[in-house]
Protein backbone atom coordinates (compact mmCIF):
# COMPACT_ATOMS: atom_id res chain seq x y z
CA MET A 1 27.47 4.28 -75.24
CA LYS A 2 23.91 2.88 -77.31
CA ASN A 3 20.91 4.31 -77.08
CA LEU A 4 17.82 2.34 -77.58
CA PHE A 5 14.09 3.82 -77.81
CA ILE A 6 11.69 1.57 -76.95
CA THR A 7 7.46 2.51 -78.60
CA PHE A 8 4.27 1.32 -76.92
CA LYS A 9 0.62 2.97 -77.54
CA ASN A 10 -2.06 3.86 -75.11
CA LYS A 11 -5.39 1.53 -75.76
CA GLY A 12 -7.66 4.48 -76.46
CA GLY A 13 -4.98 6.91 -76.17
CA ASP A 14 -4.45 9.57 -79.41
CA HIS A 15 -0.56 9.65 -79.03
CA MET A 16 2.27 6.91 -78.93
CA LYS A 17 4.53 7.51 -76.19
CA LYS A 18 8.60 7.11 -76.51
CA LEU A 19 10.76 6.05 -73.86
CA PHE A 20 14.62 6.38 -73.85
CA ILE A 21 17.03 3.98 -72.38
CA THR A 22 20.84 4.59 -72.35
CA PHE A 23 23.40 1.78 -71.48
CA LYS A 24 27.15 1.09 -71.78
CA ASN A 25 28.50 -1.73 -73.20
CA LYS A 26 30.28 -3.86 -70.93
CA GLY A 27 32.82 -6.73 -72.08
CA GLY A 28 30.02 -7.02 -75.07
CA ASP A 29 26.98 -7.63 -72.32
CA HIS A 30 24.49 -5.58 -73.65
CA MET A 31 22.70 -5.28 -70.16
CA LYS A 32 20.28 -8.00 -71.14
CA LYS A 33 18.35 -8.15 -67.81
CA LEU A 34 17.93 -4.57 -67.69
CA PHE A 35 16.02 -4.40 -70.80
CA ILE A 36 13.98 -7.42 -70.19
CA THR A 37 12.88 -5.37 -66.59
CA LEU A 38 12.14 -1.98 -68.15
CA LEU A 39 10.22 -3.34 -71.26
CA VAL A 40 7.76 -6.14 -69.27
CA LEU A 41 6.90 -2.86 -66.49
CA ILE A 42 6.34 -0.91 -69.52
CA LEU A 43 3.75 -3.22 -71.19
CA SER A 44 2.98 -4.10 -67.91
CA VAL A 45 1.56 -0.50 -67.36
CA SER A 46 0.45 -0.50 -70.61
CA VAL A 47 -1.96 -3.17 -69.86
CA PHE A 48 -3.05 -2.21 -66.57
CA ALA A 49 -4.29 1.46 -68.18
CA ALA A 50 -6.08 -0.61 -70.68
CA GLY A 51 -7.53 -2.71 -68.43
CA LYS A 52 -8.86 -0.13 -65.83
CA GLN A 53 -10.04 1.59 -69.04
CA GLU A 54 -12.47 -1.19 -69.99
CA VAL A 55 -13.76 -1.34 -66.20
CA VAL A 56 -14.73 2.01 -66.40
CA GLU A 57 -16.69 1.59 -69.92
CA ALA A 58 -18.05 -1.24 -69.02
CA ALA A 59 -19.51 0.66 -65.72
CA GLU A 60 -20.47 3.27 -68.30
CA LYS A 61 -23.04 1.01 -69.65
CA GLU A 62 -26.57 0.18 -69.18
CA MET A 63 -27.08 -2.94 -67.11
CA LEU A 64 -29.97 -5.05 -67.82
CA ILE A 65 -31.89 -6.77 -65.39
CA ARG A 66 -35.17 -8.77 -66.06
CA LEU A 67 -37.34 -9.97 -63.55
CA ALA A 68 -40.54 -12.02 -63.72
CA THR A 69 -43.27 -13.19 -62.16
CA THR A 70 -45.93 -15.89 -62.68
CA GLY A 71 -48.16 -12.85 -61.07
CA SER A 72 -50.85 -11.25 -63.99
CA LEU A 73 -51.16 -7.31 -64.23
CA THR A 74 -53.21 -7.33 -61.02
CA ASN A 75 -51.83 -9.73 -59.36
CA PRO A 76 -49.66 -8.36 -56.16
CA LEU A 77 -46.79 -10.55 -56.83
CA TYR A 78 -46.58 -8.18 -60.13
CA ILE A 79 -47.64 -4.95 -57.99
CA SER A 80 -44.61 -5.77 -56.08
CA LEU A 81 -41.96 -6.54 -58.56
CA LYS A 82 -42.80 -3.98 -60.50
CA GLN A 83 -42.50 -1.42 -57.03
CA PHE A 84 -38.98 -2.57 -56.69
CA GLY A 85 -38.05 -2.05 -60.48
CA ASP A 86 -39.46 1.72 -59.91
CA LEU A 87 -37.90 2.26 -57.22
CA VAL A 88 -34.60 0.44 -58.50
CA GLN A 89 -34.93 3.22 -62.08
CA ASP A 90 -35.75 5.48 -60.06
CA GLU A 91 -32.28 5.43 -58.08
CA PHE A 92 -29.84 4.03 -61.24
CA GLY A 93 -31.69 5.81 -63.94
CA ASP A 94 -30.00 5.68 -66.96
CA LYS A 95 -27.52 3.25 -65.92
CA VAL A 96 -29.90 0.61 -65.82
CA LYS A 97 -32.83 -0.79 -67.74
CA ILE A 98 -35.59 -2.52 -66.39
CA GLU A 99 -37.41 -5.86 -67.92
CA ILE A 100 -40.35 -6.99 -65.95
CA TYR A 101 -42.40 -10.16 -67.45
CA PRO A 102 -46.07 -11.15 -65.76
CA SER A 103 -48.06 -14.00 -66.05
CA SER A 104 -45.89 -16.67 -66.60
CA GLN A 105 -44.26 -15.51 -69.45
CA LEU A 106 -40.53 -17.03 -68.36
CA GLY A 107 -42.25 -20.44 -67.63
CA ALA A 108 -43.56 -21.99 -64.15
CA GLU A 109 -41.77 -20.55 -60.92
CA LYS A 110 -39.10 -23.07 -61.03
CA GLU A 111 -38.07 -22.10 -64.91
CA MET A 112 -37.72 -18.51 -63.50
CA GLY A 113 -36.02 -19.93 -60.14
CA GLN A 114 -33.15 -22.02 -62.75
CA GLY A 115 -33.04 -19.29 -64.74
CA ILE A 116 -31.77 -17.12 -62.58
CA LEU A 117 -28.74 -19.75 -60.83
CA SER A 118 -27.78 -20.09 -64.75
CA GLY A 119 -27.44 -16.00 -64.98
CA SER A 120 -30.44 -16.25 -67.76
CA LEU A 121 -32.61 -14.20 -65.53
CA GLN A 122 -31.34 -11.18 -62.93
CA GLY A 123 -34.46 -11.75 -60.41
CA ALA A 124 -38.21 -12.96 -59.67
CA VAL A 125 -41.35 -13.36 -57.25
CA LEU A 126 -40.50 -16.80 -56.44
CA SER A 127 -42.45 -18.85 -53.63
CA SER A 128 -40.72 -20.43 -50.06
CA ASN A 129 -42.30 -24.00 -51.91
CA THR A 130 -39.85 -22.98 -55.03
CA MET A 131 -36.70 -23.16 -53.14
CA ASN A 132 -36.77 -27.15 -53.32
CA MET A 133 -37.72 -27.49 -56.05
CA VAL A 134 -34.52 -25.32 -57.66
CA GLY A 135 -31.99 -26.52 -54.40
CA ASN A 136 -31.77 -27.69 -50.71
CA ALA A 137 -33.82 -25.78 -48.41
CA PRO A 138 -35.83 -28.03 -46.37
CA GLU A 139 -36.08 -25.00 -43.58
CA LEU A 140 -38.63 -23.60 -45.78
CA LEU A 141 -40.71 -26.37 -45.46
CA ILE A 142 -42.17 -25.33 -42.29
CA PHE A 143 -44.23 -22.28 -43.96
CA GLU A 144 -46.27 -25.58 -45.94
CA GLN A 145 -47.07 -26.66 -42.99
CA PRO A 146 -51.53 -26.25 -42.39
CA PHE A 147 -52.38 -23.54 -40.04
CA LEU A 148 -49.14 -22.13 -39.10
CA LEU A 149 -50.15 -18.00 -39.00
CA GLU A 150 -53.06 -16.82 -38.16
CA SER A 151 -53.21 -13.36 -40.46
CA ILE A 152 -51.20 -11.37 -42.53
CA GLU A 153 -49.62 -9.17 -40.01
CA GLN A 154 -48.23 -12.00 -37.70
CA ALA A 155 -47.07 -13.22 -41.15
CA TYR A 156 -45.11 -9.95 -41.77
CA THR A 157 -44.44 -9.08 -38.05
CA PHE A 158 -42.61 -12.78 -37.94
CA TYR A 159 -40.44 -12.09 -41.49
CA ASN A 160 -39.55 -8.55 -40.16
CA THR A 161 -38.40 -9.53 -36.79
CA TRP A 162 -36.46 -13.26 -37.04
CA GLY A 163 -37.88 -15.13 -39.88
CA LYS A 164 -36.30 -13.03 -42.41
CA GLU A 165 -32.27 -12.97 -40.65
CA LYS A 166 -32.69 -15.93 -38.52
CA LEU A 167 -34.20 -18.45 -41.05
CA MET A 168 -34.82 -17.36 -44.79
CA ALA A 169 -31.79 -15.14 -46.08
CA PRO A 170 -29.32 -18.09 -44.83
CA VAL A 171 -31.44 -20.56 -46.62
CA TYR A 172 -32.29 -18.77 -49.84
CA GLU A 173 -28.39 -18.09 -49.72
CA ARG A 174 -26.95 -21.40 -49.63
CA THR A 175 -29.74 -22.10 -52.06
CA GLY A 176 -27.98 -19.71 -55.16
CA PHE A 177 -30.66 -16.34 -54.22
CA LYS A 178 -31.03 -12.87 -52.46
CA LEU A 179 -33.52 -12.53 -50.05
CA LEU A 180 -34.98 -8.62 -50.96
CA SER A 181 -38.14 -8.87 -50.11
CA PHE A 182 -41.78 -10.53 -48.43
CA VAL A 183 -44.84 -10.79 -50.87
CA CYS A 184 -47.92 -12.20 -48.60
CA MET A 185 -50.39 -13.26 -51.05
CA GLY A 186 -53.37 -13.49 -48.53
CA ALA A 187 -54.65 -16.30 -46.84
CA THR A 188 -55.44 -19.95 -49.03
CA VAL A 189 -59.05 -19.78 -49.68
CA MET A 190 -60.35 -23.16 -50.95
CA VAL A 191 -62.69 -22.90 -53.83
CA ASN A 192 -64.96 -25.32 -56.09
CA ASN A 193 -67.96 -25.58 -58.01
CA VAL A 194 -69.62 -28.82 -56.34
CA HIS A 195 -71.33 -27.44 -53.17
CA PRO A 196 -70.55 -25.12 -50.00
CA ILE A 197 -67.29 -26.67 -47.82
CA GLU A 198 -68.22 -26.38 -43.80
CA THR A 199 -66.47 -29.18 -42.33
CA PRO A 200 -63.51 -31.94 -43.84
CA SER A 201 -66.74 -34.09 -44.74
CA ASP A 202 -67.58 -32.26 -47.52
CA CYS A 203 -63.93 -32.30 -49.16
CA GLU A 204 -64.52 -36.26 -50.11
CA ARG A 205 -63.90 -37.83 -53.22
CA LEU A 206 -63.28 -33.81 -54.42
CA LYS A 207 -60.94 -32.93 -57.45
CA ILE A 208 -58.79 -30.79 -55.32
CA ARG A 209 -55.88 -29.16 -57.83
CA SER A 210 -52.82 -28.14 -55.14
CA TRP A 211 -49.31 -27.19 -55.98
CA GLU A 212 -46.23 -29.59 -55.87
CA SER A 213 -45.81 -29.90 -52.35
CA LYS A 214 -46.01 -33.20 -50.26
CA VAL A 215 -47.00 -31.11 -46.85
CA MET A 216 -50.25 -29.64 -48.58
CA LEU A 217 -50.69 -32.51 -50.52
CA THR A 218 -50.56 -34.63 -47.19
CA GLY A 219 -52.87 -32.10 -45.88
CA LEU A 220 -55.89 -32.78 -48.33
CA LYS A 221 -55.15 -36.01 -48.66
CA GLY A 222 -56.55 -35.98 -44.83
CA ILE A 223 -59.38 -33.52 -45.40
CA GLY A 224 -60.76 -36.48 -47.45
CA ALA A 225 -60.12 -34.41 -51.02
CA ASN A 226 -58.34 -36.03 -54.38
CA ALA A 227 -55.47 -33.40 -54.26
CA ILE A 228 -54.18 -33.10 -58.20
CA VAL A 229 -51.28 -31.07 -58.70
CA LEU A 230 -51.64 -29.25 -61.60
CA PRO A 231 -49.73 -26.07 -63.10
CA TYR A 232 -51.25 -23.35 -62.07
CA SER A 233 -51.86 -21.61 -65.58
CA GLU A 234 -53.98 -25.03 -65.77
CA VAL A 235 -55.87 -23.98 -63.84
CA ILE A 236 -59.28 -22.40 -64.99
CA PRO A 237 -59.45 -24.17 -68.05
CA GLY A 238 -59.46 -27.78 -65.46
CA LEU A 239 -62.04 -25.52 -64.31
CA GLN A 240 -64.13 -24.91 -66.62
CA GLN A 241 -63.48 -28.89 -68.89
CA GLY A 242 -63.89 -30.69 -65.22
CA GLN A 243 -60.31 -32.19 -64.92
CA ILE A 244 -60.82 -30.10 -61.33
CA ASP A 245 -63.32 -29.15 -59.54
CA GLY A 246 -62.03 -26.54 -57.07
CA LEU A 247 -58.10 -25.96 -55.29
CA ILE A 248 -56.68 -23.98 -53.03
CA THR A 249 -54.96 -20.82 -53.27
CA THR A 250 -54.41 -17.81 -52.11
CA ASP A 251 -57.69 -15.33 -52.24
CA MET A 252 -55.56 -12.70 -54.49
CA HIS A 253 -55.75 -14.90 -56.67
CA VAL A 254 -59.01 -16.01 -56.98
CA LEU A 255 -60.12 -12.03 -57.57
CA THR A 256 -56.85 -10.69 -59.46
CA ASP A 257 -56.19 -14.04 -62.24
CA GLY A 258 -59.77 -14.28 -63.07
CA ILE A 259 -60.65 -17.69 -61.07
CA ILE A 260 -63.69 -16.04 -59.65
CA ASP A 261 -65.63 -16.21 -62.77
CA VAL A 262 -65.24 -20.42 -63.50
CA VAL A 263 -66.46 -21.03 -59.83
CA LYS A 264 -69.87 -21.39 -57.36
CA TYR A 265 -68.47 -21.88 -53.98
CA ILE A 266 -65.32 -20.10 -52.02
CA THR A 267 -64.75 -21.40 -48.45
CA ASP A 268 -63.05 -18.96 -46.29
CA LEU A 269 -60.40 -21.83 -45.46
CA ARG A 270 -56.95 -19.70 -44.44
CA ILE A 271 -55.35 -22.73 -45.01
CA GLN A 272 -52.26 -21.39 -45.14
CA TYR A 273 -50.62 -17.65 -45.81
CA GLY A 274 -48.26 -18.33 -49.07
CA PHE A 275 -44.78 -16.61 -48.36
CA HIS A 276 -43.29 -15.67 -51.17
CA GLY A 277 -39.74 -13.59 -51.95
CA ILE A 278 -38.47 -11.12 -54.64
CA VAL A 279 -34.93 -12.38 -55.16
CA VAL A 280 -31.64 -12.46 -57.20
CA GLY A 281 -29.22 -14.18 -58.18
CA LEU A 282 -26.81 -14.33 -55.06
CA LYS A 283 -23.64 -14.28 -57.78
CA TRP A 284 -25.11 -11.19 -59.43
CA PHE A 285 -25.90 -9.82 -56.51
CA ASN A 286 -23.08 -9.68 -54.75
CA ASN A 287 -20.58 -8.42 -58.12
CA LEU A 288 -22.06 -5.72 -57.93
CA PRO A 289 -20.84 -2.40 -56.18
CA GLU A 290 -21.28 -2.29 -52.51
CA ASP A 291 -23.13 0.89 -52.62
CA MET A 292 -25.28 -0.27 -55.50
CA GLN A 293 -26.11 -3.71 -53.13
CA ARG A 294 -27.10 -1.39 -49.98
CA LYS A 295 -29.66 0.71 -51.79
CA ILE A 296 -30.90 -2.57 -53.82
CA GLU A 297 -31.66 -4.09 -49.79
CA GLU A 298 -32.94 -0.94 -48.83
CA ILE A 299 -35.90 -0.92 -51.50
CA GLY A 300 -36.25 -4.58 -50.90
CA ASP A 301 -37.20 -3.45 -46.94
CA LYS A 302 -39.86 -0.58 -49.03
CA VAL A 303 -41.20 -3.12 -51.24
CA THR A 304 -41.76 -5.55 -48.06
CA GLU A 305 -44.02 -2.26 -46.39
CA PHE A 306 -45.70 -1.75 -49.57
CA SER A 307 -46.70 -5.22 -49.86
CA LEU A 308 -48.21 -5.68 -46.72
CA GLU A 309 -50.18 -2.45 -47.31
CA MET A 310 -51.56 -3.72 -49.87
CA ALA A 311 -52.14 -6.96 -48.43
CA GLN A 312 -54.23 -5.20 -45.97
CA GLU A 313 -56.15 -2.98 -48.06
CA ASN A 314 -57.09 -5.78 -50.21
CA ARG A 315 -58.04 -8.34 -47.52
CA LEU A 316 -61.15 -5.08 -47.04
CA LYS A 317 -62.38 -5.31 -50.37
CA ILE A 318 -61.24 -9.01 -51.61
CA TYR A 319 -64.82 -10.86 -50.17
CA ASP A 320 -67.39 -7.84 -51.11
CA GLU A 321 -66.07 -8.84 -54.56
CA PHE A 322 -66.56 -12.39 -54.22
CA GLU A 323 -69.85 -12.27 -52.76
CA LYS A 324 -70.97 -11.02 -55.97
CA LYS A 325 -69.84 -13.63 -57.83
CA ALA A 326 -69.59 -16.62 -55.50
CA GLN A 327 -71.44 -18.27 -52.46
CA VAL A 328 -68.88 -17.87 -49.65
CA THR A 329 -69.01 -19.89 -46.87
CA TYR A 330 -67.17 -17.90 -43.29
CA LEU A 331 -65.99 -20.50 -41.03
CA THR A 332 -66.24 -20.01 -37.57
CA LYS A 333 -62.88 -20.63 -34.90
CA GLU A 334 -64.53 -23.93 -34.25
CA GLN A 335 -64.47 -24.92 -38.05
CA ARG A 336 -61.25 -24.00 -38.53
CA ALA A 337 -59.80 -26.20 -35.45
CA LYS A 338 -61.82 -29.82 -37.04
CA PHE A 339 -59.26 -28.43 -40.81
CA LYS A 340 -56.40 -28.47 -38.43
CA GLU A 341 -56.86 -31.55 -36.80
CA LYS A 342 -57.46 -33.79 -40.31
CA THR A 343 -54.22 -32.00 -41.71
CA GLY A 344 -52.58 -33.03 -38.60
CA LEU A 345 -50.68 -35.60 -40.24
CA SER A 346 -48.55 -33.42 -42.14
CA GLN A 347 -46.98 -31.42 -39.66
CA GLN A 348 -44.59 -34.86 -39.47
CA ILE A 349 -43.58 -34.22 -42.51
CA VAL A 350 -42.43 -31.08 -41.88
CA ILE A 351 -40.56 -32.28 -38.77
CA GLU A 352 -38.79 -34.58 -40.29
CA GLY A 353 -37.79 -31.99 -42.99
CA VAL A 354 -36.85 -29.10 -40.23
CA GLY A 355 -35.83 -30.96 -37.37
CA GLN A 356 -37.73 -30.41 -34.05
CA ASP A 357 -35.89 -27.83 -32.95
CA LEU A 358 -36.33 -25.54 -35.55
CA TRP A 359 -40.29 -26.37 -35.40
CA ASP A 360 -39.94 -25.60 -31.89
CA GLU A 361 -38.41 -22.65 -32.56
CA VAL A 362 -40.78 -21.48 -34.43
CA GLN A 363 -43.49 -22.12 -32.90
CA LYS A 364 -42.63 -20.42 -29.78
CA ILE A 365 -41.87 -16.95 -32.01
CA LEU A 366 -45.25 -17.44 -33.37
CA ALA A 367 -46.72 -17.45 -29.73
CA GLY A 368 -45.37 -14.52 -28.87
CA ILE A 369 -46.99 -12.35 -32.05
């Protein structure tokens, strides 16, 4: 009989373990197969134990969640994102660390979206238009159509009852994002420093800033404006230096981002209702434990409700503040219809992008809200 001691060490353990193996020599054969099999088994158990411990150690480490937005500290985009971050922090405590970067600190929305896809950023507030800057999401062009929606309430009802599950969430996931919450910044107004705007002809030759959207640029061209694409961070200097005469943006952006202090005229145009989503990287989200995924989705729904309440409250206050600093023009339903007619050329661009069937289905859904 020959005795063999095999000694190995458990990673993270504080003692050595020995395995005593006894075998017989038979015809000079040392039963090598048995020895090798046992040795592989022992090493496998040791590696498994070490790997399991590493997983436990990783799970115990603080998870850094970096979030970003173009919105300033008083902007609903930032406020909604902070609400999301606070609720996640409350839910998971010292298991996570939330960092939020407001006011375009990490770049424009396009750069934020690219950061999420690369993994350098976990989440952000991004407009539906941004999805087409960082991926292929032509269906979301439908939200760019001028005068598609009639009110904030209609926008949220559409999102909650049909838009998220049937349209938006699948498209976001295909593009590499997980859509968690909806934030509407309010109605899009037109502001300028030249004269009041009541009819499409009042827009002729005005240098109006727009975001990079073929749909919106075509719509502005339809009403006679000279549309100029300019980064949002350059809007206020552009107005002060005369690079642009005015711009279209949401009423809340005008109020919270300092635009109200550098414009003379505001028209309650309601050409669009901004669709923004709180999103995270799909790959990052799918790697989270299932219970954590579920709780984060629940938090996202709570923030959607929070942002709707905030938008409704803000709507009542915005124009009181506008009237303190600028001349405000309120359009009648008939006046707004003339603008809608002039921006009609953009509709064909949208239909070509989303398809006639989706266009018709969305129109049907909205008609019932």
